[in-house]
Amino acid sequence: MVYFDLKPCDQNIKATLQIVDRMIDLANKGDVDREDSGCGILYGVLRDSAYKLKKMAEKEKQSHIQKGWWKEDST
């Protein structure tokens, strides 16, 4: 997805945050629907990875905000 009011580097951060939200949602749904422990491991790894990526992307977003690159209305 392209956000025309953001710089390309900020567009990528915003897209990453959307992807990790989808990863978390999928991990939660997969955990509810799973029928064996192998799936539980898979969705646990997916969730953990998403949270790690989310933390990194949020940190980078804050860095861009501090530099004045990120537009405040473009959360």
C-alpha atoms as a PDB file:
ATOM      1  CA  MET A   1       0.000   0.000   0.000  1.00  0.00           C
ATOM      2  CA  VAL A   2       1.293   3.470  -0.877  1.00  0.00           C
ATOM      3  CA  TYR A   3       0.828   6.460   1.402  1.00  0.00           C
ATOM      4  CA  PHE A   4       1.364   9.535  -0.753  1.00  0.00           C
ATOM      5  CA  ASP A   5       1.713  11.894   2.190  1.00  0.00           C
ATOM      6  CA  LEU A   6       4.731   9.978   3.550  1.00  0.00           C
ATOM      7  CA  LYS A   7       8.307   9.715   2.342  1.00  0.00           C
ATOM      8  CA  PRO A   8       9.081   6.309   0.784  1.00  0.00           C
ATOM      9  CA  CYS A   9      11.128   5.247   3.823  1.00  0.00           C
ATOM     10  CA  ASP A  10       8.186   6.110   6.089  1.00  0.00           C
ATOM     11  CA  GLN A  11       5.757   4.328   3.762  1.00  0.00           C
ATOM     12  CA  ASN A  12       7.798   1.173   4.255  1.00  0.00           C
ATOM     13  CA  ILE A  13       7.727   1.499   8.038  1.00  0.00           C
ATOM     14  CA  LYS A  14       3.958   2.009   8.007  1.00  0.00           C
ATOM     15  CA  ALA A  15       3.516  -1.010   5.704  1.00  0.00           C
ATOM     16  CA  THR A  16       5.709  -3.085   8.026  1.00  0.00           C
ATOM     17  CA  LEU A  17       3.527  -2.142  10.991  1.00  0.00           C
ATOM     18  CA  GLN A  18       0.441  -3.229   9.060  1.00  0.00           C
ATOM     19  CA  ILE A  19       2.056  -6.547   8.124  1.00  0.00           C
ATOM     20  CA  VAL A  20       3.036  -7.317  11.706  1.00  0.00           C
ATOM     21  CA  ASP A  21      -0.516  -6.583  12.845  1.00  0.00           C
ATOM     22  CA  ARG A  22      -1.726  -9.132  10.286  1.00  0.00           C
ATOM     23  CA  MET A  23       0.908 -11.612  11.486  1.00  0.00           C
ATOM     24  CA  ILE A  24      -0.297 -11.229  15.085  1.00  0.00           C
ATOM     25  CA  ASP A  25      -3.925 -11.664  14.036  1.00  0.00           C
ATOM     26  CA  LEU A  26      -3.045 -14.802  12.054  1.00  0.00           C
ATOM     27  CA  ALA A  27      -1.021 -16.237  14.943  1.00  0.00           C
ATOM     28  CA  ASN A  28      -3.933 -15.680  17.318  1.00  0.00           C
ATOM     29  CA  LYS A  29      -6.441 -17.236  14.902  1.00  0.00           C
ATOM     30  CA  GLY A  30      -4.104 -20.123  14.130  1.00  0.00           C
ATOM     31  CA  ASP A  31      -3.627 -20.796  17.820  1.00  0.00           C
ATOM     32  CA  VAL A  32      -7.385 -21.010  18.356  1.00  0.00           C
ATOM     33  CA  ASP A  33      -7.887 -23.296  15.346  1.00  0.00           C
ATOM     34  CA  ARG A  34      -4.837 -25.544  15.828  1.00  0.00           C
ATOM     35  CA  GLU A  35      -5.178 -29.268  16.378  1.00  0.00           C
ATOM     36  CA  ASP A  36      -1.647 -30.248  17.385  1.00  0.00           C
ATOM     37  CA  SER A  37       1.440 -28.948  19.138  1.00  0.00           C
ATOM     38  CA  GLY A  38       3.370 -28.439  15.890  1.00  0.00           C
ATOM     39  CA  CYS A  39       0.915 -25.750  14.855  1.00  0.00           C
ATOM     40  CA  GLY A  40       1.207 -24.221  18.309  1.00  0.00           C
ATOM     41  CA  ILE A  41       4.951 -23.896  17.820  1.00  0.00           C
ATOM     42  CA  LEU A  42       4.462 -22.406  14.358  1.00  0.00           C
ATOM     43  CA  TYR A  43       2.031 -19.755  15.573  1.00  0.00           C
ATOM     44  CA  GLY A  44       4.161 -19.031  18.621  1.00  0.00           C
ATOM     45  CA  VAL A  45       7.156 -18.339  16.400  1.00  0.00           C
ATOM     46  CA  LEU A  46       4.992 -16.219  14.080  1.00  0.00           C
ATOM     47  CA  ARG A  47       3.712 -14.176  17.034  1.00  0.00           C
ATOM     48  CA  ASP A  48       7.160 -13.750  18.583  1.00  0.00           C
ATOM     49  CA  SER A  49       8.628 -12.677  15.245  1.00  0.00           C
ATOM     50  CA  ALA A  50       5.820 -10.199  14.685  1.00  0.00           C
ATOM     51  CA  TYR A  51       6.335  -8.588  18.082  1.00  0.00           C
ATOM     52  CA  LYS A  52      10.094  -8.310  17.504  1.00  0.00           C
ATOM     53  CA  LEU A  53       9.551  -6.704  14.104  1.00  0.00           C
ATOM     54  CA  LYS A  54       6.880  -4.407  15.533  1.00  0.00           C
ATOM     55  CA  LYS A  55       9.245  -3.207  18.254  1.00  0.00           C
ATOM     56  CA  MET A  56      11.950  -2.478  15.669  1.00  0.00           C
ATOM     57  CA  ALA A  57       9.542  -0.668  13.331  1.00  0.00           C
ATOM     58  CA  GLU A  58       8.076   1.420  16.166  1.00  0.00           C
ATOM     59  CA  LYS A  59      11.585   2.402  17.248  1.00  0.00           C
ATOM     60  CA  GLU A  60      12.443   3.438  13.705  1.00  0.00           C
ATOM     61  CA  LYS A  61       9.178   5.360  13.404  1.00  0.00           C
ATOM     62  CA  GLN A  62      10.017   7.267  16.593  1.00  0.00           C
ATOM     63  CA  SER A  63      13.455   8.031  15.185  1.00  0.00           C
ATOM     64  CA  HIS A  64      11.869   9.471  12.054  1.00  0.00           C
ATOM     65  CA  ILE A  65       9.424  11.513  14.141  1.00  0.00           C
ATOM     66  CA  GLN A  66      12.318  12.972  16.135  1.00  0.00           C
ATOM     67  CA  LYS A  67      14.112  13.864  12.898  1.00  0.00           C
ATOM     68  CA  GLY A  68      10.967  15.656  11.696  1.00  0.00           C
ATOM     69  CA  TRP A  69      10.466  13.316   8.757  1.00  0.00           C
ATOM     70  CA  TRP A  70       7.233  11.650   9.866  1.00  0.00           C
ATOM     71  CA  LYS A  71       4.071  13.671   9.444  1.00  0.00           C
ATOM     72  CA  GLU A  72       2.104  13.672  12.698  1.00  0.00           C
ATOM     73  CA  ASP A  73      -1.239  13.016  10.977  1.00  0.00           C
ATOM     74  CA  SER A  74       0.205   9.905   9.299  1.00  0.00           C
ATOM     75  CA  THR A  75       0.162   7.442  12.181  1.00  0.00           C
END
